Amino acid sequence: MSNNLIVLPLLIPLLTGIVLIFINRHRKLVRWVSGVSSIINIFIAASVVQNVRLDGVQILNMSGWEAPFGITFTADMFATLLVLTTALIGAACIFYSFYTIEEQRERHYYYALVQFLLVGVIGSFLTGDIFNLFVCFEVMLVASYGLIVIGGEKRQLRESLKYVLINVLSSTLFVTAIAYLYGSVGTLNMAHLSQRVAEVSQGGILTVIAILLLIVFALKAGLILYFWLPGSYQVPPAAIVALFGGLLTKVGVYAIVRTFTLIFYHDPGITHTMIAWMSGLTMVFGAIGALAYRDVNRILIFNIVISIGFLGFGLSTATEAGQSGVIYYLLHDMIAKTLIFMLAGLLIKAAGTEDTRQMSGWIRRHPALGWMFFVTALAIIGVPPLSGFVGKLLIVEGGLAAEQYLLTGIGLASSLFVILSLVRIFMNAFWGEEQEIHESAVQPSKKALVPGAALLILLVFIGLGAELLHPYIDQAGDVLLNPQLYIDAVLKE
């Protein structure tokens, strides 16, 4: 069904970002416009989700050009749930920034860059064309380059250079893969690609292109190719790290899921086996990293790596339970990782250090922060009935159904390492004897906890309200398991 509404979640941050450039000198007005725009986008995204729930997959052919000849935006339940989650995370990070971002950064178009990053992320979820996926990736990356580098610190410049070089390399590979794909099947529309790949059968050259795309998306997601991630995610302020932790790698995961459930699912023997073993190694290396470091942010960054591996494992099972688990766990992980980085940012600011060995007894000075961190950690670990439990259970069920016993064991073992790493932060930082305040410590604003509290309520709701979310997750999983639903909606067959 054609619906102009589906492009609004992308247009609102785009127009907001442009307006913010022109009013950048008026700091209070910039904050008001950013905050109001982010709230409006949540309601728009929620209405798109409800439209898809009632009427199925929605499409929009730009300028009236029918697919596969024009630019098509496609909103199925999987994409729209991610768009809604992105809108929620974007709003939380913007309000969190009001109390944590320095004025100097705000004056360097900080809020405009955040809006453009949201444009790239939401566009990636909604586009139905693989070349436009590349364009949206680039919009997101250019905004992220700006967000990493503003502030002008030496280590920011060093890490941003690595980040830019890695992404330039992956973008070059991405364009090359798209060119070969177009040369092989003559289309770039994802639904039409699926149809054409089925018609010519997924032979050797198409499998090589699929592997090239897997390498590109693995670089974006941090699936085994995560070497750029710890440095790049450690240097920006907490609000930016929270935004990155919740969104950037997840766009790479979305691209892997979409590509290997819609386009290259005909011959899973090579590609899905590669995804499975890349995921297993990612979980192992992530677990080692999470235990090896003592810095709060480093530990949490390696927890991102573990969760990316776990999501890849869920996808590789290619079972109904595994796919539902990936959707459920992805939604949970986007919110949970954003929240934990927001809370970690306040902890580091209050302690004046990132080193957990120099923190102790902070639960007495900051009880709300401490207990919010504890409940979020339980949700990430997957303690029932919090949000991480259902997704983990479904992915493990999918692994057993696919008889991937070794990877299922690695997945369960990685959860133990997540427990150890998060409990170690909590016990070191919040428990024990109260330490002297570090000279570089800054008392964080209590108002900065409010956006985090909203995300925490959402995490609890996702866990306790799993039954309410079930029809939406089922509908999203149906399209992943039966790509013909997506193809019929786009090509109107």
Protein backbone atom coordinates (compact mmCIF):
# COMPACT_ATOMS: atom_id res chain seq x y z
CA MET A 1 0.00 0.00 0.00
CA SER A 2 1.33 3.42 -0.97
CA ASN A 3 1.70 5.81 1.96
CA ASN A 4 3.40 9.23 1.98
CA LEU A 5 3.58 9.15 5.80
CA ILE A 6 6.45 6.63 5.85
CA VAL A 7 9.02 9.20 4.72
CA LEU A 8 8.14 11.70 7.49
CA PRO A 9 10.38 10.11 10.20
CA LEU A 10 13.27 10.85 7.82
CA LEU A 11 12.12 14.30 6.67
CA ILE A 12 11.52 15.70 10.17
CA PRO A 13 15.16 15.34 11.38
CA LEU A 14 16.39 16.43 7.94
CA LEU A 15 14.40 19.69 8.01
CA THR A 16 15.22 20.17 11.69
CA GLY A 17 18.94 19.80 10.99
CA ILE A 18 18.78 22.41 8.22
CA VAL A 19 16.86 24.85 10.44
CA LEU A 20 19.35 24.31 13.29
CA ILE A 21 22.25 25.37 11.03
CA PHE A 22 20.61 28.76 10.47
CA ILE A 23 19.71 29.39 14.13
CA ASN A 24 22.93 27.96 15.58
CA ARG A 25 23.83 31.18 17.43
CA HIS A 26 20.64 31.02 19.52
CA ARG A 27 21.51 28.25 21.96
CA LYS A 28 18.19 28.04 23.83
CA LEU A 29 16.19 28.11 20.61
CA VAL A 30 18.37 25.33 19.16
CA ARG A 31 17.62 23.19 22.22
CA TRP A 32 13.88 23.87 21.99
CA VAL A 33 13.70 23.05 18.28
CA SER A 34 15.78 19.86 18.74
CA GLY A 35 13.70 18.67 21.69
CA VAL A 36 10.28 19.39 20.18
CA SER A 37 11.27 17.89 16.82
CA SER A 38 12.49 14.68 18.48
CA ILE A 39 9.22 14.29 20.41
CA ILE A 40 7.11 14.87 17.27
CA ASN A 41 9.18 12.25 15.44
CA ILE A 42 8.36 9.64 18.09
CA PHE A 43 4.62 10.11 17.49
CA ILE A 44 5.05 10.04 13.70
CA ALA A 45 7.15 6.85 13.89
CA ALA A 46 4.58 5.24 16.22
CA SER A 47 1.75 6.06 13.78
CA VAL A 48 3.76 4.45 10.92
CA VAL A 49 4.18 1.30 13.03
CA GLN A 50 0.41 1.20 13.61
CA ASN A 51 -0.29 1.70 9.89
CA VAL A 52 1.97 -1.22 9.02
CA ARG A 53 0.31 -3.31 11.75
CA LEU A 54 -3.16 -2.68 10.27
CA ASP A 55 -2.44 -2.57 6.52
CA GLY A 56 0.78 -4.54 6.02
CA VAL A 57 3.94 -3.40 4.22
CA GLN A 58 3.78 0.28 3.16
CA ILE A 59 5.70 1.72 0.22
CA LEU A 60 6.39 5.12 -1.33
CA ASN A 61 7.58 5.45 -4.92
CA MET A 62 9.32 8.81 -5.21
CA SER A 63 8.03 11.09 -8.01
CA GLY A 64 5.56 8.42 -9.08
CA TRP A 65 8.20 6.14 -10.62
CA GLU A 66 7.06 2.57 -9.97
CA ALA A 67 9.53 0.03 -8.53
CA PRO A 68 12.01 -1.17 -9.68
CA PHE A 69 12.63 1.89 -11.91
CA GLY A 70 12.45 4.66 -9.31
CA ILE A 71 13.53 5.27 -5.72
CA THR A 72 11.32 3.27 -3.37
CA PHE A 73 10.96 3.59 0.39
CA THR A 74 9.62 0.44 2.01
CA ALA A 75 8.25 0.17 5.53
CA ASP A 76 7.68 -3.36 6.79
CA MET A 77 7.24 -4.09 10.50
CA PHE A 78 10.94 -4.89 11.05
CA ALA A 79 12.06 -1.55 9.59
CA THR A 80 9.38 0.55 11.30
CA LEU A 81 10.04 -0.95 14.75
CA LEU A 82 13.69 0.04 14.30
CA VAL A 83 12.66 3.52 13.14
CA LEU A 84 10.49 3.97 16.25
CA THR A 85 13.32 2.75 18.49
CA THR A 86 15.72 5.16 16.76
CA ALA A 87 13.32 8.07 17.33
CA LEU A 88 13.09 7.16 21.04
CA ILE A 89 16.86 6.87 21.41
CA GLY A 90 17.41 10.11 19.49
CA ALA A 91 15.03 12.01 21.77
CA ALA A 92 16.60 10.55 24.93
CA CYS A 93 20.13 11.45 23.80
CA ILE A 94 19.10 14.98 22.79
CA PHE A 95 17.52 15.68 26.21
CA TYR A 96 20.50 14.02 27.94
CA SER A 97 22.81 16.32 25.95
CA PHE A 98 21.11 19.42 27.43
CA TYR A 99 22.72 18.58 30.81
CA THR A 100 25.99 16.96 29.74
CA ILE A 101 27.33 18.58 26.54
CA GLU A 102 29.60 21.60 26.88
CA GLU A 103 28.53 24.93 25.37
CA GLN A 104 31.58 24.91 23.07
CA ARG A 105 30.41 21.70 21.37
CA GLU A 106 26.83 22.99 21.13
CA ARG A 107 28.12 26.03 19.24
CA HIS A 108 29.84 23.72 16.69
CA TYR A 109 26.52 22.50 15.23
CA TYR A 110 26.24 19.57 17.66
CA TYR A 111 22.44 19.25 17.52
CA ALA A 112 22.36 19.66 13.72
CA LEU A 113 24.88 16.79 13.39
CA VAL A 114 22.76 14.61 15.69
CA GLN A 115 19.71 15.26 13.49
CA PHE A 116 21.66 14.40 10.31
CA LEU A 117 22.91 11.20 11.96
CA LEU A 118 19.27 10.27 12.68
CA VAL A 119 18.45 10.98 9.00
CA GLY A 120 21.11 8.48 7.90
CA VAL A 121 20.03 5.81 10.39
CA ILE A 122 16.29 6.10 9.67
CA GLY A 123 16.92 6.32 5.92
CA SER A 124 18.96 3.10 6.08
CA PHE A 125 16.04 1.30 7.71
CA LEU A 126 13.40 2.61 5.29
CA THR A 127 15.10 2.52 1.92
CA GLY A 128 14.10 -0.24 -0.47
CA ASP A 129 17.07 0.31 -2.77
CA ILE A 130 20.61 -0.94 -2.08
CA PHE A 131 22.28 2.11 -3.62
CA ASN A 132 20.22 4.41 -1.41
CA LEU A 133 21.27 2.23 1.51
CA PHE A 134 24.84 3.23 0.62
CA VAL A 135 23.80 6.91 0.43
CA CYS A 136 22.09 6.76 3.84
CA PHE A 137 25.16 5.01 5.29
CA GLU A 138 27.30 7.89 4.05
CA VAL A 139 24.98 10.54 5.52
CA MET A 140 25.15 8.73 8.87
CA LEU A 141 28.94 8.36 8.70
CA VAL A 142 29.64 11.98 7.71
CA ALA A 143 27.53 13.14 10.67
CA SER A 144 29.36 10.70 12.96
CA TYR A 145 32.76 12.01 11.75
CA GLY A 146 31.67 15.49 12.81
CA LEU A 147 30.37 14.31 16.19
CA ILE A 148 33.62 12.46 16.99
CA VAL A 149 35.91 15.31 16.04
CA ILE A 150 34.18 18.36 17.57
CA GLY A 151 35.97 19.28 20.75
CA GLY A 152 39.42 19.39 19.15
CA GLU A 153 41.25 17.10 21.61
CA LYS A 154 44.37 15.33 20.33
CA ARG A 155 43.04 11.81 20.97
CA GLN A 156 39.76 12.70 19.22
CA LEU A 157 41.64 13.67 16.08
CA ARG A 158 43.77 10.49 16.25
CA GLU A 159 40.79 8.14 16.65
CA SER A 160 38.62 10.02 14.15
CA LEU A 161 41.36 9.58 11.52
CA LYS A 162 41.29 5.79 12.03
CA TYR A 163 37.49 5.81 11.98
CA VAL A 164 37.37 7.80 8.73
CA LEU A 165 39.98 5.61 6.99
CA ILE A 166 38.19 2.39 7.93
CA ASN A 167 34.85 3.72 6.74
CA VAL A 168 36.30 5.09 3.49
CA LEU A 169 37.68 1.60 2.82
CA SER A 170 34.35 -0.08 3.60
CA SER A 171 32.46 2.47 1.48
CA THR A 172 34.77 1.75 -1.46
CA LEU A 173 34.11 -1.97 -1.10
CA PHE A 174 30.38 -1.27 -0.79
CA VAL A 175 30.26 0.69 -4.08
CA THR A 176 32.34 -2.01 -5.79
CA ALA A 177 29.93 -4.73 -4.59
CA ILE A 178 26.93 -2.68 -5.76
CA ALA A 179 28.51 -2.21 -9.21
CA TYR A 180 29.16 -5.96 -9.58
CA LEU A 181 25.64 -6.73 -8.34
CA TYR A 182 24.07 -4.36 -10.86
CA GLY A 183 26.26 -5.78 -13.60
CA SER A 184 25.14 -9.32 -12.71
CA VAL A 185 21.38 -8.90 -12.31
CA GLY A 186 20.60 -5.43 -13.71
CA THR A 187 18.72 -3.90 -10.79
CA LEU A 188 19.34 -2.29 -7.38
CA ASN A 189 15.82 -2.41 -5.95
CA MET A 190 15.98 -4.90 -3.06
CA ALA A 191 12.69 -6.64 -3.87
CA HIS A 192 13.62 -6.90 -7.54
CA LEU A 193 17.12 -8.07 -6.57
CA SER A 194 15.57 -10.90 -4.59
CA GLN A 195 13.46 -11.87 -7.60
CA ARG A 196 16.36 -11.65 -10.07
CA VAL A 197 18.75 -13.63 -7.85
CA ALA A 198 16.09 -16.37 -7.59
CA GLU A 199 15.64 -16.38 -11.38
CA VAL A 200 19.34 -16.69 -12.26
CA SER A 201 20.02 -18.89 -9.19
CA GLN A 202 22.67 -17.88 -6.65
CA GLY A 203 25.75 -19.12 -8.45
CA GLY A 204 29.47 -18.54 -7.81
CA ILE A 205 29.70 -14.87 -8.83
CA LEU A 206 26.63 -13.89 -6.80
CA THR A 207 27.97 -15.76 -3.78
CA VAL A 208 31.26 -13.83 -4.09
CA ILE A 209 29.27 -10.55 -4.22
CA ALA A 210 27.26 -11.70 -1.18
CA ILE A 211 30.51 -12.36 0.73
CA LEU A 212 31.84 -8.92 -0.28
CA LEU A 213 28.66 -7.30 1.05
CA LEU A 214 28.97 -9.39 4.23
CA ILE A 215 32.51 -8.05 4.78
CA VAL A 216 31.29 -4.46 4.24
CA PHE A 217 28.37 -4.80 6.65
CA ALA A 218 30.52 -6.74 9.14
CA LEU A 219 32.90 -3.75 9.23
CA LYS A 220 29.97 -1.41 9.88
CA ALA A 221 28.45 -3.70 12.52
CA GLY A 222 31.67 -4.75 14.24
CA LEU A 223 31.03 -8.43 13.46
CA ILE A 224 34.53 -9.82 14.11
CA LEU A 225 35.93 -6.74 12.22
CA TYR A 226 35.53 -4.57 15.32
CA PHE A 227 39.16 -3.41 15.71
CA TRP A 228 38.20 0.21 14.95
CA LEU A 229 35.39 0.29 17.50
CA PRO A 230 37.01 0.50 20.98
CA GLY A 231 39.11 3.59 20.15
CA SER A 232 36.45 5.45 18.17
CA TYR A 233 33.72 4.95 20.77
CA GLN A 234 35.88 5.94 23.72
CA VAL A 235 36.87 9.49 22.80
CA PRO A 236 33.57 11.42 22.35
CA PRO A 237 31.41 12.61 25.30
CA ALA A 238 28.86 10.23 26.87
CA ALA A 239 25.85 11.57 24.91
CA ILE A 240 27.56 10.82 21.60
CA VAL A 241 28.87 7.42 22.73
CA ALA A 242 25.33 6.54 23.88
CA LEU A 243 23.95 7.52 20.47
CA PHE A 244 26.67 5.53 18.67
CA GLY A 245 26.34 2.52 21.00
CA GLY A 246 22.60 2.36 20.44
CA LEU A 247 22.47 3.02 16.71
CA LEU A 248 25.57 2.83 14.50
CA THR A 249 26.57 -0.83 14.75
CA LYS A 250 22.89 -1.81 14.68
CA VAL A 251 22.50 -0.31 11.19
CA GLY A 252 25.20 -2.74 10.07
CA VAL A 253 23.32 -5.60 11.75
CA TYR A 254 20.09 -4.49 10.02
CA ALA A 255 21.87 -4.47 6.63
CA ILE A 256 23.17 -8.03 7.24
CA VAL A 257 19.72 -9.26 8.29
CA ARG A 258 17.95 -7.57 5.35
CA THR A 259 20.50 -8.72 2.75
CA PHE A 260 20.65 -12.34 3.90
CA THR A 261 16.93 -12.82 4.46
CA LEU A 262 15.65 -10.98 1.39
CA ILE A 263 18.33 -11.20 -1.34
CA PHE A 264 20.92 -13.91 -0.65
CA TYR A 265 18.94 -16.63 1.13
CA HIS A 266 18.81 -19.17 -1.72
CA ASP A 267 22.19 -20.80 -1.01
CA PRO A 268 22.89 -20.39 2.71
CA GLY A 269 25.55 -23.12 2.82
CA ILE A 270 28.48 -20.70 2.49
CA THR A 271 27.21 -17.29 3.58
CA HIS A 272 25.18 -18.34 6.62
CA THR A 273 27.98 -20.66 7.79
CA MET A 274 30.39 -17.73 7.52
CA ILE A 275 28.00 -15.54 9.53
CA ALA A 276 27.71 -18.29 12.16
CA TRP A 277 31.46 -18.67 12.70
CA MET A 278 32.16 -14.94 12.48
CA SER A 279 29.51 -14.52 15.19
CA GLY A 280 31.04 -17.23 17.37
CA LEU A 281 34.51 -15.64 17.17
CA THR A 282 33.03 -12.19 17.82
CA MET A 283 31.41 -13.43 21.03
CA VAL A 284 34.68 -15.08 22.17
CA PHE A 285 36.86 -12.02 21.45
CA GLY A 286 34.24 -9.67 22.92
CA ALA A 287 34.15 -11.72 26.13
CA ILE A 288 37.96 -11.65 26.41
CA GLY A 289 37.97 -7.87 25.90
CA ALA A 290 35.19 -7.28 28.43
CA LEU A 291 37.22 -9.05 31.12
CA ALA A 292 40.63 -7.71 30.08
CA TYR A 293 39.97 -4.00 30.67
CA ARG A 294 39.29 -1.96 33.78
CA ASP A 295 37.95 1.19 32.10
CA VAL A 296 34.17 1.52 32.29
CA ASN A 297 33.71 2.56 28.65
CA ARG A 298 36.09 -0.12 27.29
CA ILE A 299 34.20 -2.83 29.18
CA LEU A 300 30.86 -1.58 27.85
CA ILE A 301 32.22 -1.29 24.29
CA PHE A 302 33.27 -4.96 24.38
CA ASN A 303 29.77 -5.76 25.63
CA ILE A 304 28.53 -4.21 22.35
CA VAL A 305 30.86 -6.58 20.49
CA ILE A 306 29.41 -9.59 22.36
CA SER A 307 25.83 -8.55 21.55
CA ILE A 308 26.67 -8.09 17.83
CA GLY A 309 28.05 -11.66 17.80
CA PHE A 310 24.93 -12.93 19.55
CA LEU A 311 22.66 -11.23 16.99
CA GLY A 312 24.70 -12.68 14.11
CA PHE A 313 24.38 -16.13 15.68
CA GLY A 314 20.58 -15.71 15.87
CA LEU A 315 20.43 -14.78 12.18
CA SER A 316 22.61 -17.72 11.16
CA THR A 317 20.16 -20.23 12.68
CA ALA A 318 17.60 -19.29 9.94
CA THR A 319 14.80 -20.61 12.16
CA GLU A 320 11.52 -18.94 13.14
CA ALA A 321 12.58 -18.70 16.80
CA GLY A 322 16.02 -17.38 15.84
CA GLN A 323 14.63 -14.64 13.58
CA SER A 324 12.05 -13.53 16.18
CA GLY A 325 14.81 -13.56 18.78
CA VAL A 326 17.02 -11.34 16.59
CA ILE A 327 14.24 -8.76 16.23
CA TYR A 328 13.38 -8.81 19.92
CA TYR A 329 17.02 -8.74 21.07
CA LEU A 330 17.95 -6.00 18.58
CA LEU A 331 15.21 -3.67 19.89
CA HIS A 332 16.22 -4.41 23.48
CA ASP A 333 19.93 -4.00 22.80
CA MET A 334 19.55 -0.62 21.05
CA ILE A 335 17.78 0.84 24.08
CA ALA A 336 19.83 -0.96 26.74
CA LYS A 337 23.22 0.01 25.27
CA THR A 338 22.15 3.65 24.89
CA LEU A 339 21.00 3.71 28.51
CA ILE A 340 24.09 2.01 29.98
CA PHE A 341 26.42 4.47 28.21
CA MET A 342 24.33 7.42 29.44
CA LEU A 343 24.59 6.13 33.02
CA ALA A 344 28.28 5.31 32.62
CA GLY A 345 28.88 8.88 31.43
CA LEU A 346 27.34 10.27 34.62
CA LEU A 347 29.34 7.81 36.74
CA ILE A 348 32.63 8.80 35.05
CA LYS A 349 31.81 12.49 35.45
CA ALA A 350 30.99 12.03 39.15
CA ALA A 351 34.06 9.88 39.83
CA GLY A 352 36.44 11.96 37.71
CA THR A 353 38.00 8.78 36.27
CA GLU A 354 37.09 5.87 33.97
CA ASP A 355 39.18 3.36 35.94
CA THR A 356 36.95 1.07 38.02
CA ARG A 357 39.88 0.47 40.44
CA GLN A 358 39.72 4.11 41.48
CA MET A 359 35.97 4.10 42.20
CA SER A 360 34.25 2.82 45.30
CA GLY A 361 31.16 3.42 47.42
CA TRP A 362 29.32 5.67 44.96
CA ILE A 363 25.93 4.14 45.83
CA ARG A 364 25.82 6.39 48.95
CA ARG A 365 26.44 9.62 47.00
CA HIS A 366 24.40 8.67 43.92
CA PRO A 367 21.81 6.00 44.88
CA ALA A 368 19.46 6.67 41.93
CA LEU A 369 22.34 6.38 39.44
CA GLY A 370 23.60 3.21 41.13
CA TRP A 371 20.29 1.37 41.15
CA MET A 372 19.43 2.45 37.60
CA PHE A 373 22.81 1.05 36.50
CA PHE A 374 22.09 -2.18 38.37
CA VAL A 375 18.63 -2.73 36.80
CA THR A 376 19.99 -1.89 33.31
CA ALA A 377 22.80 -4.40 33.83
CA LEU A 378 20.22 -7.06 34.80
CA ALA A 379 18.27 -6.29 31.60
CA ILE A 380 21.45 -6.62 29.48
CA ILE A 381 22.37 -9.88 31.22
CA GLY A 382 18.87 -11.18 30.41
CA VAL A 383 17.45 -11.69 33.89
CA PRO A 384 13.69 -12.40 33.60
CA PRO A 385 11.30 -10.66 33.28
CA LEU A 386 13.46 -7.79 31.96
CA SER A 387 13.83 -7.06 28.24
CA GLY A 388 16.95 -9.08 27.42
CA PHE A 389 15.46 -12.38 28.54
CA VAL A 390 12.91 -13.08 25.77
CA GLY A 391 15.31 -12.31 22.89
CA LYS A 392 18.08 -14.45 24.38
CA LEU A 393 15.70 -17.34 25.04
CA LEU A 394 14.40 -17.28 21.45
CA ILE A 395 17.90 -17.12 19.93
CA VAL A 396 19.08 -20.03 22.09
CA GLU A 397 15.93 -21.96 21.09
CA GLY A 398 16.73 -21.20 17.44
CA GLY A 399 20.32 -22.41 17.91
CA LEU A 400 19.16 -25.71 19.41
CA ALA A 401 16.54 -26.16 16.66
CA ALA A 402 19.27 -25.61 14.02
CA GLU A 403 21.51 -28.09 15.91
CA GLN A 404 24.23 -25.45 16.33
CA TYR A 405 25.18 -26.78 19.76
CA LEU A 406 28.73 -25.38 19.90
CA LEU A 407 27.64 -21.84 18.96
CA THR A 408 24.70 -22.08 21.35
CA GLY A 409 27.17 -23.01 24.08
CA ILE A 410 29.40 -20.05 23.14
CA GLY A 411 26.33 -17.77 23.22
CA LEU A 412 25.37 -18.96 26.70
CA ALA A 413 28.98 -18.74 27.92
CA SER A 414 29.27 -15.18 26.56
CA SER A 415 26.29 -14.25 28.74
CA LEU A 416 28.31 -15.33 31.77
CA PHE A 417 31.15 -13.01 30.74
CA VAL A 418 28.62 -10.18 30.31
CA ILE A 419 27.44 -10.87 33.89
CA LEU A 420 31.01 -10.86 35.22
CA SER A 421 32.00 -7.64 33.44
CA LEU A 422 28.89 -5.65 34.44
CA VAL A 423 28.83 -6.94 38.01
CA ARG A 424 32.51 -5.99 38.31
CA ILE A 425 31.72 -2.39 37.30
CA PHE A 426 28.81 -2.25 39.75
CA MET A 427 30.71 -3.81 42.65
CA ASN A 428 33.86 -1.73 42.14
CA ALA A 429 32.13 1.59 41.48
CA PHE A 430 29.08 1.55 43.71
CA TRP A 431 29.86 -0.91 46.52
CA GLY A 432 32.57 -0.95 49.18
CA GLU A 433 34.15 1.88 51.16
CA GLU A 434 33.44 5.41 49.98
CA GLN A 435 36.52 6.92 48.29
CA GLU A 436 37.71 10.51 48.24
CA ILE A 437 36.37 12.56 45.34
CA HIS A 438 38.87 12.74 42.45
CA GLU A 439 40.17 16.25 41.70
CA SER A 440 38.75 16.17 38.15
CA ALA A 441 35.29 15.02 39.30
CA VAL A 442 32.24 17.10 38.38
CA GLN A 443 28.87 16.81 40.10
CA PRO A 444 26.43 15.67 37.35
CA SER A 445 23.01 17.28 37.08
CA LYS A 446 20.21 15.13 38.52
CA LYS A 447 18.07 16.21 35.55
CA ALA A 448 20.41 14.18 33.32
CA LEU A 449 18.92 11.04 34.89
CA VAL A 450 15.42 11.82 33.56
CA PRO A 451 15.98 10.70 29.91
CA GLY A 452 17.70 7.58 31.29
CA ALA A 453 14.73 6.90 33.58
CA ALA A 454 12.40 7.07 30.56
CA LEU A 455 14.53 4.50 28.70
CA LEU A 456 14.65 2.30 31.80
CA ILE A 457 10.83 2.31 32.01
CA LEU A 458 10.78 1.32 28.35
CA LEU A 459 13.18 -1.58 29.03
CA VAL A 460 10.96 -2.82 31.85
CA PHE A 461 7.88 -2.47 29.63
CA ILE A 462 9.53 -4.48 26.81
CA GLY A 463 10.19 -7.25 29.32
CA LEU A 464 6.89 -7.24 31.21
CA GLY A 465 4.83 -6.36 28.10
CA ALA A 466 6.36 -9.05 25.88
CA GLU A 467 2.88 -10.47 25.27
CA LEU A 468 1.67 -7.09 23.94
CA LEU A 469 4.69 -6.78 21.62
CA HIS A 470 4.39 -10.36 20.40
CA PRO A 471 2.01 -9.63 17.42
CA TYR A 472 4.35 -6.87 16.18
CA ILE A 473 7.43 -9.10 16.47
CA ASP A 474 5.57 -11.94 14.75
CA GLN A 475 4.58 -9.67 11.87
CA ALA A 476 8.18 -8.48 11.51
CA GLY A 477 9.45 -12.07 11.60
CA ASP A 478 6.92 -13.17 8.93
CA VAL A 479 8.52 -10.87 6.34
CA LEU A 480 12.03 -12.10 7.20
CA LEU A 481 10.96 -15.74 6.90
CA ASN A 482 8.77 -15.18 3.84
CA PRO A 483 10.45 -12.55 1.61
CA GLN A 484 7.67 -12.94 -0.97
CA LEU A 485 5.50 -10.70 1.29
CA TYR A 486 8.06 -7.89 0.85
CA ILE A 487 8.46 -8.53 -2.89
CA ASP A 488 4.70 -8.56 -3.54
CA ALA A 489 4.19 -5.30 -1.66
CA VAL A 490 6.97 -3.47 -3.55
CA LEU A 491 6.43 -4.91 -7.02
CA LYS A 492 2.62 -5.15 -6.56
CA GLU A 493 2.34 -8.67 -7.90
